[in-house]
Amino acid sequence: MKTATHTLASVSAMSVGDPPTSTTPSEAADQGAGRPGALDAKPAGDLPASRGPQHPTAEKRGVPSGLWMRCEDCGETLFRKEVERLMNVCPVCGRHMYLSARDRVRFVLDEGTFEEWDPDLMPADPLAFSDKKPYAERVIAEQKRTGLKDAALTGCGMIRGRRVAFAVTDSAFIMGSMGSVVGERLTRMIERATEQNLAVIIVSGSGGGARMHEGILSLMQMAKVSAALARYDAAGGLFISVLTNPTMGGVAASFASLGDLVFAEPKALIGFAGPRTIKATLRTELPDGFQTSEFLLEHGYIDRIVRRADLKSEIARTIDYCGK
């Protein structure tokens, strides 16, 4: 049955180096004079009239761009293909870098099993909002840049032969903020999982909360998704929430924190507001790393820190253990 929030949501959710320069003989003499180790140059008039055929100096071959990258944590220069082979994890310090929603689907679900749900659900512009550019133009630009319709990708697939409902939020799309389409897609996925008795896996990679471009219609998505999860829980469903860097704002304050089991990637930033905002509000010094997954594990907020390479096996093991 459609809830009141579904009705409201429908308002805003529609189906090298430079080549060396040449110098004249007189310039060479001027540049070499007095320089330690430099040879004395003869005046230009003492040089033979002919110096033989001159060959143009070849340009230096530059290193193709994009082969190397630098880790923001340890500062090491890394071979990009090696990092990609490790699922965007630094081989030196283990930093878990940004991973797109499509790549997360590829690494977590069995190959070729993902079936996307509600792929044509598109954001509207109910407020005709405009900041540096109109919201409608911003959405189109983000869609072209990321290849996503919005900040959430939902569907179903197999994890080591176990069928699950699967969703990912992507911080690349307007910081993964929770607009009407994100809330509607997650709610529909959870409701289908309830009907089909599927375990729900949501990987959160959202640095934003409610999407200001949609006003209150965006803010209400927190309650809508949470209510769907409550009904799912009452039906005996298993919800595994996976927190990645960053998981902040309204996402962290709603569905991302409601998992029966909450996993997190190493050194992920997790919280509601950023540390500078909290420090300015409380006017006190904060513990080092208090919004990292390691700190939150120590204080009971999350259940386990799981490396990206182990996530698929850990989810499969958990589903089996819970009998789902």
C-alpha atoms as a PDB file:
ATOM      1  CA  MET A   1       0.000   0.000   0.000  1.00  0.00           C
ATOM      2  CA  LYS A   2       1.373   3.443  -0.862  1.00  0.00           C
ATOM      3  CA  THR A   3       2.046   5.652   2.127  1.00  0.00           C
ATOM      4  CA  ALA A   4       1.403   9.389   2.346  1.00  0.00           C
ATOM      5  CA  THR A   5       5.055  10.035   1.867  1.00  0.00           C
ATOM      6  CA  HIS A   6       4.982   8.138  -1.435  1.00  0.00           C
ATOM      7  CA  THR A   7       2.300  10.548  -2.637  1.00  0.00           C
ATOM      8  CA  LEU A   8       4.395  13.557  -1.687  1.00  0.00           C
ATOM      9  CA  ALA A   9       7.511  12.040  -3.228  1.00  0.00           C
ATOM     10  CA  SER A  10       5.776  11.662  -6.554  1.00  0.00           C
ATOM     11  CA  VAL A  11       5.730  15.453  -6.801  1.00  0.00           C
ATOM     12  CA  SER A  12       9.491  15.477  -7.215  1.00  0.00           C
ATOM     13  CA  ALA A  13      10.271  12.008  -8.571  1.00  0.00           C
ATOM     14  CA  MET A  14       9.561  11.286 -12.250  1.00  0.00           C
ATOM     15  CA  SER A  15       9.252   7.957 -13.955  1.00  0.00           C
ATOM     16  CA  VAL A  16      56.747  16.873 -20.920  1.00  0.00           C
ATOM     17  CA  GLY A  17      59.241  18.373 -21.144  1.00  0.00           C
ATOM     18  CA  ASP A  18      59.895  21.376 -23.393  1.00  0.00           C
ATOM     19  CA  PRO A  19      62.450  20.913 -26.244  1.00  0.00           C
ATOM     20  CA  PRO A  20      65.897  22.365 -25.536  1.00  0.00           C
ATOM     21  CA  THR A  21      66.435  25.845 -26.945  1.00  0.00           C
ATOM     22  CA  SER A  22      69.383  26.560 -29.275  1.00  0.00           C
ATOM     23  CA  THR A  23      71.904  29.348 -28.615  1.00  0.00           C
ATOM     24  CA  THR A  24      74.285  31.220 -30.918  1.00  0.00           C
ATOM     25  CA  PRO A  25      78.037  30.746 -30.495  1.00  0.00           C
ATOM     26  CA  SER A  26      78.358  34.195 -28.921  1.00  0.00           C
ATOM     27  CA  GLU A  27      75.557  33.453 -26.458  1.00  0.00           C
ATOM     28  CA  ALA A  28      77.228  30.178 -25.589  1.00  0.00           C
ATOM     29  CA  ALA A  29      80.477  32.040 -24.860  1.00  0.00           C
ATOM     30  CA  ASP A  30      78.676  34.542 -22.631  1.00  0.00           C
ATOM     31  CA  GLN A  31      76.819  31.812 -20.734  1.00  0.00           C
ATOM     32  CA  GLY A  32      79.985  29.706 -20.250  1.00  0.00           C
ATOM     33  CA  ALA A  33      82.316  32.497 -19.143  1.00  0.00           C
ATOM     34  CA  GLY A  34      83.227  32.346 -15.492  1.00  0.00           C
ATOM     35  CA  ARG A  35      81.137  29.241 -14.837  1.00  0.00           C
ATOM     36  CA  PRO A  36      82.987  26.558 -12.874  1.00  0.00           C
ATOM     37  CA  GLY A  37      83.825  23.652 -15.166  1.00  0.00           C
ATOM     38  CA  ALA A  38      82.706  25.491 -18.275  1.00  0.00           C
ATOM     39  CA  LEU A  39      84.832  25.406 -21.427  1.00  0.00           C
ATOM     40  CA  ASP A  40      86.164  28.632 -22.868  1.00  0.00           C
ATOM     41  CA  ALA A  41      84.305  29.453 -26.055  1.00  0.00           C
ATOM     42  CA  LYS A  42      86.043  30.954 -29.113  1.00  0.00           C
ATOM     43  CA  PRO A  43      84.733  34.203 -30.523  1.00  0.00           C
ATOM     44  CA  ALA A  44      82.258  33.821 -33.314  1.00  0.00           C
ATOM     45  CA  GLY A  45      84.737  35.065 -35.939  1.00  0.00           C
ATOM     46  CA  ASP A  46      87.218  32.297 -35.159  1.00  0.00           C
ATOM     47  CA  LEU A  47      84.720  29.548 -35.944  1.00  0.00           C
ATOM     48  CA  PRO A  48      84.903  27.828 -39.330  1.00  0.00           C
ATOM     49  CA  ALA A  49      82.446  29.108 -41.875  1.00  0.00           C
ATOM     50  CA  SER A  50      80.791  25.777 -42.332  1.00  0.00           C
ATOM     51  CA  ARG A  51      79.705  23.483 -39.489  1.00  0.00           C
ATOM     52  CA  GLY A  52      78.210  20.759 -41.630  1.00  0.00           C
ATOM     53  CA  PRO A  53      74.558  19.756 -41.842  1.00  0.00           C
ATOM     54  CA  GLN A  54      72.454  20.685 -38.790  1.00  0.00           C
ATOM     55  CA  HIS A  55      69.872  18.231 -37.447  1.00  0.00           C
ATOM     56  CA  PRO A  56      66.867  19.480 -35.474  1.00  0.00           C
ATOM     57  CA  THR A  57      66.902  18.450 -31.832  1.00  0.00           C
ATOM     58  CA  ALA A  58      64.247  15.811 -31.112  1.00  0.00           C
ATOM     59  CA  GLU A  59      61.665  16.576 -28.423  1.00  0.00           C
ATOM     60  CA  LYS A  60      61.809  14.549 -25.247  1.00  0.00           C
ATOM     61  CA  ARG A  61      59.211  11.886 -24.916  1.00  0.00           C
ATOM     62  CA  GLY A  62      56.851  12.664 -22.040  1.00  0.00           C
ATOM     63  CA  VAL A  63      55.280  10.137 -19.707  1.00  0.00           C
ATOM     64  CA  PRO A  64      51.633   9.610 -20.740  1.00  0.00           C
ATOM     65  CA  SER A  65      49.268  11.279 -18.321  1.00  0.00           C
ATOM     66  CA  GLY A  66      47.129   9.184 -16.012  1.00  0.00           C
ATOM     67  CA  LEU A  67      49.589   6.341 -15.436  1.00  0.00           C
ATOM     68  CA  TRP A  68      50.452   7.423 -11.916  1.00  0.00           C
ATOM     69  CA  MET A  69      48.548   8.788  -8.937  1.00  0.00           C
ATOM     70  CA  ARG A  70      49.372   9.940  -5.436  1.00  0.00           C
ATOM     71  CA  CYS A  71      47.832   8.530  -2.246  1.00  0.00           C
ATOM     72  CA  GLU A  72      46.343  11.300  -0.121  1.00  0.00           C
ATOM     73  CA  ASP A  73      47.204   9.477   3.117  1.00  0.00           C
ATOM     74  CA  CYS A  74      50.786   8.257   2.735  1.00  0.00           C
ATOM     75  CA  GLY A  75      51.848  10.474  -0.175  1.00  0.00           C
ATOM     76  CA  GLU A  76      53.257   7.559  -2.177  1.00  0.00           C
ATOM     77  CA  THR A  77      53.209   7.697  -5.974  1.00  0.00           C
ATOM     78  CA  LEU A  78      51.267   4.680  -7.182  1.00  0.00           C
ATOM     79  CA  PHE A  79      50.818   2.901 -10.504  1.00  0.00           C
ATOM     80  CA  ARG A  80      47.162   3.527 -11.300  1.00  0.00           C
ATOM     81  CA  LYS A  81      46.469   0.098 -12.825  1.00  0.00           C
ATOM     82  CA  GLU A  82      47.810  -1.592  -9.693  1.00  0.00           C
ATOM     83  CA  VAL A  83      45.498   0.513  -7.529  1.00  0.00           C
ATOM     84  CA  GLU A  84      42.537  -0.345  -9.740  1.00  0.00           C
ATOM     85  CA  ARG A  85      43.414  -4.038  -9.537  1.00  0.00           C
ATOM     86  CA  LEU A  86      43.208  -3.722  -5.750  1.00  0.00           C
ATOM     87  CA  MET A  87      39.730  -2.177  -5.942  1.00  0.00           C
ATOM     88  CA  ASN A  88      41.065   1.368  -5.497  1.00  0.00           C
ATOM     89  CA  VAL A  89      42.968   0.533  -2.303  1.00  0.00           C
ATOM     90  CA  CYS A  90      46.466   1.923  -1.717  1.00  0.00           C
ATOM     91  CA  PRO A  91      48.962  -0.986  -1.697  1.00  0.00           C
ATOM     92  CA  VAL A  92      51.244   0.921   0.712  1.00  0.00           C
ATOM     93  CA  CYS A  93      49.005   2.227   3.509  1.00  0.00           C
ATOM     94  CA  GLY A  94      45.684   0.501   2.758  1.00  0.00           C
ATOM     95  CA  ARG A  95      43.674   3.691   2.202  1.00  0.00           C
ATOM     96  CA  HIS A  96      40.279   2.885   0.684  1.00  0.00           C
ATOM     97  CA  MET A  97      39.759   5.435  -2.082  1.00  0.00           C
ATOM     98  CA  TYR A  98      36.604   6.486  -3.903  1.00  0.00           C
ATOM     99  CA  LEU A  99      34.839   3.740  -5.826  1.00  0.00           C
ATOM    100  CA  SER A 100      31.915   4.424  -8.149  1.00  0.00           C
ATOM    101  CA  ALA A 101      28.513   2.818  -7.712  1.00  0.00           C
ATOM    102  CA  ARG A 102      28.936   0.715 -10.869  1.00  0.00           C
ATOM    103  CA  ASP A 103      32.306  -0.565  -9.671  1.00  0.00           C
ATOM    104  CA  ARG A 104      30.869  -1.480  -6.274  1.00  0.00           C
ATOM    105  CA  VAL A 105      28.179  -3.511  -7.991  1.00  0.00           C
ATOM    106  CA  ARG A 106      30.889  -5.235 -10.036  1.00  0.00           C
ATOM    107  CA  PHE A 107      33.047  -6.064  -7.024  1.00  0.00           C
ATOM    108  CA  VAL A 108      30.303  -7.165  -4.584  1.00  0.00           C
ATOM    109  CA  LEU A 109      27.785  -9.010  -6.769  1.00  0.00           C
ATOM    110  CA  ASP A 110      28.406 -12.106  -8.860  1.00  0.00           C
ATOM    111  CA  GLU A 111      29.287 -11.213 -12.435  1.00  0.00           C
ATOM    112  CA  GLY A 112      26.330 -10.648 -14.733  1.00  0.00           C
ATOM    113  CA  THR A 113      23.662 -11.074 -12.046  1.00  0.00           C
ATOM    114  CA  PHE A 114      22.745  -7.445 -11.303  1.00  0.00           C
ATOM    115  CA  GLU A 115      19.267  -6.374 -12.386  1.00  0.00           C
ATOM    116  CA  GLU A 116      18.651  -2.663 -11.935  1.00  0.00           C
ATOM    117  CA  TRP A 117      15.297  -1.583 -10.527  1.00  0.00           C
ATOM    118  CA  ASP A 118      13.517   1.670 -11.472  1.00  0.00           C
ATOM    119  CA  PRO A 119      16.212   2.793 -13.935  1.00  0.00           C
ATOM    120  CA  ASP A 120      13.973   5.448 -15.497  1.00  0.00           C
ATOM    121  CA  LEU A 121      13.075   7.245 -12.258  1.00  0.00           C
ATOM    122  CA  MET A 122      14.320  10.807 -12.751  1.00  0.00           C
ATOM    123  CA  PRO A 123      14.510  13.877 -10.479  1.00  0.00           C
ATOM    124  CA  ALA A 124      12.157  16.794 -11.091  1.00  0.00           C
ATOM    125  CA  ASP A 125      12.607  20.450 -10.112  1.00  0.00           C
ATOM    126  CA  PRO A 126       9.578  21.213  -7.898  1.00  0.00           C
ATOM    127  CA  LEU A 127      11.034  24.461  -6.500  1.00  0.00           C
ATOM    128  CA  ALA A 128      12.562  25.767  -9.747  1.00  0.00           C
ATOM    129  CA  PHE A 129      15.693  26.098  -7.605  1.00  0.00           C
ATOM    130  CA  SER A 130      18.746  27.999  -8.819  1.00  0.00           C
ATOM    131  CA  ASP A 131      22.088  28.745  -7.170  1.00  0.00           C
ATOM    132  CA  LYS A 132      25.151  29.052  -9.435  1.00  0.00           C
ATOM    133  CA  LYS A 133      23.082  27.337 -12.097  1.00  0.00           C
ATOM    134  CA  PRO A 134      19.468  26.098 -12.314  1.00  0.00           C
ATOM    135  CA  TYR A 135      18.886  22.759 -10.582  1.00  0.00           C
ATOM    136  CA  ALA A 136      17.520  21.213 -13.778  1.00  0.00           C
ATOM    137  CA  GLU A 137      20.795  22.041 -15.591  1.00  0.00           C
ATOM    138  CA  ARG A 138      22.877  20.761 -12.663  1.00  0.00           C
ATOM    139  CA  VAL A 139      21.104  17.401 -12.730  1.00  0.00           C
ATOM    140  CA  ILE A 140      21.704  16.988 -16.469  1.00  0.00           C
ATOM    141  CA  ALA A 141      25.389  17.868 -16.049  1.00  0.00           C
ATOM    142  CA  GLU A 142      25.785  15.374 -13.202  1.00  0.00           C
ATOM    143  CA  GLN A 143      24.072  12.643 -15.202  1.00  0.00           C
ATOM    144  CA  LYS A 144      26.460  13.155 -18.123  1.00  0.00           C
ATOM    145  CA  ARG A 145      29.516  13.276 -15.843  1.00  0.00           C
ATOM    146  CA  THR A 146      28.721  10.206 -13.703  1.00  0.00           C
ATOM    147  CA  GLY A 147      26.576   8.053 -15.986  1.00  0.00           C
ATOM    148  CA  LEU A 148      23.954   7.798 -13.228  1.00  0.00           C
ATOM    149  CA  LYS A 149      20.368   9.056 -13.225  1.00  0.00           C
ATOM    150  CA  ASP A 150      20.712  10.084  -9.562  1.00  0.00           C
ATOM    151  CA  ALA A 151      22.849   9.415  -6.504  1.00  0.00           C
ATOM    152  CA  ALA A 152      21.446   5.932  -5.819  1.00  0.00           C
ATOM    153  CA  LEU A 153      21.625   2.704  -7.797  1.00  0.00           C
ATOM    154  CA  THR A 154      19.229  -0.064  -6.740  1.00  0.00           C
ATOM    155  CA  GLY A 155      18.350  -3.556  -7.891  1.00  0.00           C
ATOM    156  CA  CYS A 156      18.900  -7.218  -7.108  1.00  0.00           C
ATOM    157  CA  GLY A 157      21.666  -9.705  -7.762  1.00  0.00           C
ATOM    158  CA  MET A 158      23.572 -12.679  -6.432  1.00  0.00           C
ATOM    159  CA  ILE A 159      26.319 -12.764  -3.820  1.00  0.00           C
ATOM    160  CA  ARG A 160      28.062 -16.142  -4.033  1.00  0.00           C
ATOM    161  CA  GLY A 161      24.795 -17.657  -5.238  1.00  0.00           C
ATOM    162  CA  ARG A 162      22.557 -15.885  -2.705  1.00  0.00           C
ATOM    163  CA  ARG A 163      19.960 -13.523  -4.170  1.00  0.00           C
ATOM    164  CA  VAL A 164      19.814 -10.151  -2.410  1.00  0.00           C
ATOM    165  CA  ALA A 165      18.356  -6.694  -2.846  1.00  0.00           C
ATOM    166  CA  PHE A 166      21.294  -4.348  -3.368  1.00  0.00           C
ATOM    167  CA  ALA A 167      21.718  -0.571  -3.346  1.00  0.00           C
ATOM    168  CA  VAL A 168      24.625   1.869  -3.531  1.00  0.00           C
ATOM    169  CA  THR A 169      24.703   5.610  -2.977  1.00  0.00           C
ATOM    170  CA  ASP A 170      27.427   7.506  -4.840  1.00  0.00           C
ATOM    171  CA  SER A 171      29.096  10.666  -3.508  1.00  0.00           C
ATOM    172  CA  ALA A 172      30.087  11.708  -7.049  1.00  0.00           C
ATOM    173  CA  PHE A 173      26.490  12.738  -7.808  1.00  0.00           C
ATOM    174  CA  ILE A 174      25.851  15.999  -5.909  1.00  0.00           C
ATOM    175  CA  MET A 175      27.780  14.531  -2.953  1.00  0.00           C
ATOM    176  CA  GLY A 176      25.386  11.582  -2.783  1.00  0.00           C
ATOM    177  CA  SER A 177      22.751  13.842  -1.236  1.00  0.00           C
ATOM    178  CA  MET A 178      19.383  12.320  -0.494  1.00  0.00           C
ATOM    179  CA  GLY A 179      16.904  13.747  -2.973  1.00  0.00           C
ATOM    180  CA  SER A 180      13.419  12.457  -3.732  1.00  0.00           C
ATOM    181  CA  VAL A 181      14.644   9.938  -6.302  1.00  0.00           C
ATOM    182  CA  VAL A 182      17.188   8.482  -3.873  1.00  0.00           C
ATOM    183  CA  GLY A 183      14.524   8.053  -1.189  1.00  0.00           C
ATOM    184  CA  GLU A 184      11.970   6.637  -3.607  1.00  0.00           C
ATOM    185  CA  ARG A 185      14.385   4.123  -5.132  1.00  0.00           C
ATOM    186  CA  LEU A 186      15.520   2.890  -1.728  1.00  0.00           C
ATOM    187  CA  THR A 187      11.939   2.641  -0.468  1.00  0.00           C
ATOM    188  CA  ARG A 188      10.766   0.679  -3.503  1.00  0.00           C
ATOM    189  CA  MET A 189      13.756  -1.655  -3.213  1.00  0.00           C
ATOM    190  CA  ILE A 190      13.056  -2.330   0.468  1.00  0.00           C
ATOM    191  CA  GLU A 191       9.378  -2.977  -0.219  1.00  0.00           C
ATOM    192  CA  ARG A 192      10.216  -5.453  -2.986  1.00  0.00           C
ATOM    193  CA  ALA A 193      12.714  -7.160  -0.672  1.00  0.00           C
ATOM    194  CA  THR A 194       9.965  -7.468   1.942  1.00  0.00           C
ATOM    195  CA  GLU A 195       7.613  -9.096  -0.553  1.00  0.00           C
ATOM    196  CA  GLN A 196      10.288 -11.443  -1.937  1.00  0.00           C
ATOM    197  CA  ASN A 197      11.956 -12.221   1.419  1.00  0.00           C
ATOM    198  CA  LEU A 198      15.380 -10.994   0.303  1.00  0.00           C
ATOM    199  CA  ALA A 199      18.247  -9.780   2.434  1.00  0.00           C
ATOM    200  CA  VAL A 200      18.887  -6.046   1.923  1.00  0.00           C
ATOM    201  CA  ILE A 201      22.424  -4.724   1.371  1.00  0.00           C
ATOM    202  CA  ILE A 202      22.922  -0.945   1.182  1.00  0.00           C
ATOM    203  CA  VAL A 203      26.421   0.452   0.591  1.00  0.00           C
ATOM    204  CA  SER A 204      26.426   4.097   1.640  1.00  0.00           C
ATOM    205  CA  GLY A 205      28.874   6.512   0.045  1.00  0.00           C
ATOM    206  CA  SER A 206      27.169   9.825   0.672  1.00  0.00           C
ATOM    207  CA  GLY A 207      28.848  12.985   1.872  1.00  0.00           C
ATOM    208  CA  GLY A 208      25.654  15.004   1.824  1.00  0.00           C
ATOM    209  CA  GLY A 209      22.389  14.999   3.702  1.00  0.00           C
ATOM    210  CA  ALA A 210      19.075  16.252   2.378  1.00  0.00           C
ATOM    211  CA  ARG A 211      19.378  17.884  -1.051  1.00  0.00           C
ATOM    212  CA  MET A 212      18.614  21.565  -0.513  1.00  0.00           C
ATOM    213  CA  HIS A 213      17.518  21.957  -4.145  1.00  0.00           C
ATOM    214  CA  GLU A 214      14.325  20.016  -3.294  1.00  0.00           C
ATOM    215  CA  GLY A 215      13.567  21.532   0.114  1.00  0.00           C
ATOM    216  CA  ILE A 216      11.269  19.651   2.495  1.00  0.00           C
ATOM    217  CA  LEU A 217      10.563  17.011  -0.149  1.00  0.00           C
ATOM    218  CA  SER A 218      14.182  15.931   0.200  1.00  0.00           C
ATOM    219  CA  LEU A 219      14.214  16.078   3.998  1.00  0.00           C
ATOM    220  CA  MET A 220      11.207  13.769   4.297  1.00  0.00           C
ATOM    221  CA  GLN A 221      13.065  10.952   2.500  1.00  0.00           C
ATOM    222  CA  MET A 222      14.864  10.140   5.774  1.00  0.00           C
ATOM    223  CA  ALA A 223      11.564   9.259   7.445  1.00  0.00           C
ATOM    224  CA  LYS A 224      10.188   7.479   4.380  1.00  0.00           C
ATOM    225  CA  VAL A 225      13.125   5.094   3.994  1.00  0.00           C
ATOM    226  CA  SER A 226      13.308   4.504   7.756  1.00  0.00           C
ATOM    227  CA  ALA A 227       9.610   3.624   7.838  1.00  0.00           C
ATOM    228  CA  ALA A 228      10.072   1.123   5.005  1.00  0.00           C
ATOM    229  CA  LEU A 229      12.939  -0.465   6.942  1.00  0.00           C
ATOM    230  CA  ALA A 230      10.753  -0.716  10.038  1.00  0.00           C
ATOM    231  CA  ARG A 231       8.131  -2.643   8.074  1.00  0.00           C
ATOM    232  CA  TYR A 232      10.881  -4.806   6.575  1.00  0.00           C
ATOM    233  CA  ASP A 233      12.241  -5.553  10.054  1.00  0.00           C
ATOM    234  CA  ALA A 234       8.782  -6.458  11.324  1.00  0.00           C
ATOM    235  CA  ALA A 235       8.546  -8.976   8.472  1.00  0.00           C
ATOM    236  CA  GLY A 236      11.784 -10.628   9.643  1.00  0.00           C
ATOM    237  CA  GLY A 237      14.150  -9.238   7.026  1.00  0.00           C
ATOM    238  CA  LEU A 238      17.941  -8.987   7.315  1.00  0.00           C
ATOM    239  CA  PHE A 239      19.466  -5.569   6.596  1.00  0.00           C
ATOM    240  CA  ILE A 240      23.256  -5.219   6.290  1.00  0.00           C
ATOM    241  CA  SER A 241      24.447  -1.615   6.106  1.00  0.00           C
ATOM    242  CA  VAL A 242      27.940  -0.921   4.734  1.00  0.00           C
ATOM    243  CA  LEU A 243      29.421   2.503   5.529  1.00  0.00           C
ATOM    244  CA  THR A 244      32.154   3.923   3.290  1.00  0.00           C
ATOM    245  CA  ASN A 245      34.095   7.165   3.112  1.00  0.00           C
ATOM    246  CA  PRO A 246      32.220   9.457   3.481  1.00  0.00           C
ATOM    247  CA  THR A 247      28.886   8.578   5.106  1.00  0.00           C
ATOM    248  CA  MET A 248      27.511  11.818   6.497  1.00  0.00           C
ATOM    249  CA  GLY A 249      24.431  13.963   7.003  1.00  0.00           C
ATOM    250  CA  GLY A 250      20.923  12.640   6.606  1.00  0.00           C
ATOM    251  CA  VAL A 251      22.147   9.319   5.218  1.00  0.00           C
ATOM    252  CA  ALA A 252      24.122   8.599   8.397  1.00  0.00           C
ATOM    253  CA  ALA A 253      21.237   9.881  10.502  1.00  0.00           C
ATOM    254  CA  SER A 254      18.685   7.566   8.906  1.00  0.00           C
ATOM    255  CA  PHE A 255      18.952   4.281   7.011  1.00  0.00           C
ATOM    256  CA  ALA A 256      22.755   3.900   7.131  1.00  0.00           C
ATOM    257  CA  SER A 257      22.628   3.540  10.924  1.00  0.00           C
ATOM    258  CA  LEU A 258      19.647   1.159  11.049  1.00  0.00           C
ATOM    259  CA  GLY A 259      21.252  -2.069   9.868  1.00  0.00           C
ATOM    260  CA  ASP A 260      20.850  -5.306  11.779  1.00  0.00           C
ATOM    261  CA  LEU A 261      24.589  -5.427  11.165  1.00  0.00           C
ATOM    262  CA  VAL A 262      26.643  -2.332  10.361  1.00  0.00           C
ATOM    263  CA  PHE A 263      29.941  -2.852   8.539  1.00  0.00           C
ATOM    264  CA  ALA A 264      32.395  -0.096   7.657  1.00  0.00           C
ATOM    265  CA  GLU A 265      35.478   0.239   5.495  1.00  0.00           C
ATOM    266  CA  PRO A 266      38.770   1.141   7.218  1.00  0.00           C
ATOM    267  CA  LYS A 267      39.321   4.827   8.042  1.00  0.00           C
ATOM    268  CA  ALA A 268      35.921   5.848   6.694  1.00  0.00           C
ATOM    269  CA  LEU A 269      34.583   9.259   7.731  1.00  0.00           C
ATOM    270  CA  ILE A 270      31.206   8.680   9.386  1.00  0.00           C
ATOM    271  CA  GLY A 271      28.994  11.184  11.172  1.00  0.00           C
ATOM    272  CA  PHE A 272      26.278  13.798  10.862  1.00  0.00           C
ATOM    273  CA  ALA A 273      28.137  17.110  10.662  1.00  0.00           C
ATOM    274  CA  GLY A 274      31.788  17.645   9.811  1.00  0.00           C
ATOM    275  CA  PRO A 275      34.395  17.885  12.581  1.00  0.00           C
ATOM    276  CA  ARG A 276      34.993  21.623  12.068  1.00  0.00           C
ATOM    277  CA  THR A 277      31.271  22.351  12.425  1.00  0.00           C
ATOM    278  CA  ILE A 278      31.023  20.271  15.597  1.00  0.00           C
ATOM    279  CA  LYS A 279      34.109  21.885  17.115  1.00  0.00           C
ATOM    280  CA  ALA A 280      32.788  25.378  16.387  1.00  0.00           C
ATOM    281  CA  THR A 281      29.407  24.495  17.890  1.00  0.00           C
ATOM    282  CA  LEU A 282      30.645  22.772  21.055  1.00  0.00           C
ATOM    283  CA  ARG A 283      33.678  25.061  21.507  1.00  0.00           C
ATOM    284  CA  THR A 284      35.763  22.189  22.816  1.00  0.00           C
ATOM    285  CA  GLU A 285      38.587  19.975  21.643  1.00  0.00           C
ATOM    286  CA  LEU A 286      37.426  16.721  20.078  1.00  0.00           C
ATOM    287  CA  PRO A 287      39.132  13.304  20.332  1.00  0.00           C
ATOM    288  CA  ASP A 288      41.495  12.466  17.495  1.00  0.00           C
ATOM    289  CA  GLY A 289      39.753  10.519  14.754  1.00  0.00           C
ATOM    290  CA  PHE A 290      36.416  10.560  16.573  1.00  0.00           C
ATOM    291  CA  GLN A 291      34.464  10.244  13.304  1.00  0.00           C
ATOM    292  CA  THR A 292      36.489   7.381  11.843  1.00  0.00           C
ATOM    293  CA  SER A 293      35.242   3.818  11.596  1.00  0.00           C
ATOM    294  CA  GLU A 294      37.999   2.666  14.008  1.00  0.00           C
ATOM    295  CA  PHE A 295      36.818   5.082  16.724  1.00  0.00           C
ATOM    296  CA  LEU A 296      33.180   4.170  16.147  1.00  0.00           C
ATOM    297  CA  LEU A 297      33.939   0.437  16.338  1.00  0.00           C
ATOM    298  CA  GLU A 298      35.648   0.960  19.683  1.00  0.00           C
ATOM    299  CA  HIS A 299      32.582   2.798  20.983  1.00  0.00           C
ATOM    300  CA  GLY A 300      29.976   0.362  19.673  1.00  0.00           C
ATOM    301  CA  TYR A 301      28.466   2.376  16.836  1.00  0.00           C
ATOM    302  CA  ILE A 302      29.414  -0.156  14.165  1.00  0.00           C
ATOM    303  CA  ASP A 303      29.776  -3.938  14.365  1.00  0.00           C
ATOM    304  CA  ARG A 304      32.800  -4.666  12.192  1.00  0.00           C
ATOM    305  CA  ILE A 305      35.434  -3.086   9.986  1.00  0.00           C
ATOM    306  CA  VAL A 306      35.681  -5.000   6.719  1.00  0.00           C
ATOM    307  CA  ARG A 307      38.301  -4.434   4.054  1.00  0.00           C
ATOM    308  CA  ARG A 308      36.941  -3.962   0.544  1.00  0.00           C
ATOM    309  CA  ALA A 309      38.538  -7.163  -0.741  1.00  0.00           C
ATOM    310  CA  ASP A 310      36.761  -9.179   1.992  1.00  0.00           C
ATOM    311  CA  LEU A 311      33.331  -7.574   1.793  1.00  0.00           C
ATOM    312  CA  LYS A 312      31.710 -10.023  -0.618  1.00  0.00           C
ATOM    313  CA  SER A 313      32.731 -13.081   1.412  1.00  0.00           C
ATOM    314  CA  GLU A 314      31.763 -11.398   4.694  1.00  0.00           C
ATOM    315  CA  ILE A 315      28.269 -10.578   3.453  1.00  0.00           C
ATOM    316  CA  ALA A 316      27.739 -14.117   2.133  1.00  0.00           C
ATOM    317  CA  ARG A 317      28.917 -15.588   5.444  1.00  0.00           C
ATOM    318  CA  THR A 318      26.585 -13.291   7.399  1.00  0.00           C
ATOM    319  CA  ILE A 319      23.556 -14.203   5.281  1.00  0.00           C
ATOM    320  CA  ASP A 320      24.236 -17.891   5.829  1.00  0.00           C
ATOM    321  CA  TYR A 321      24.724 -17.395   9.567  1.00  0.00           C
ATOM    322  CA  CYS A 322      21.410 -15.559   9.857  1.00  0.00           C
ATOM    323  CA  GLY A 323      19.604 -18.214   7.829  1.00  0.00           C
ATOM    324  CA  LYS A 324      18.544 -15.909   5.004  1.00  0.00           C
END
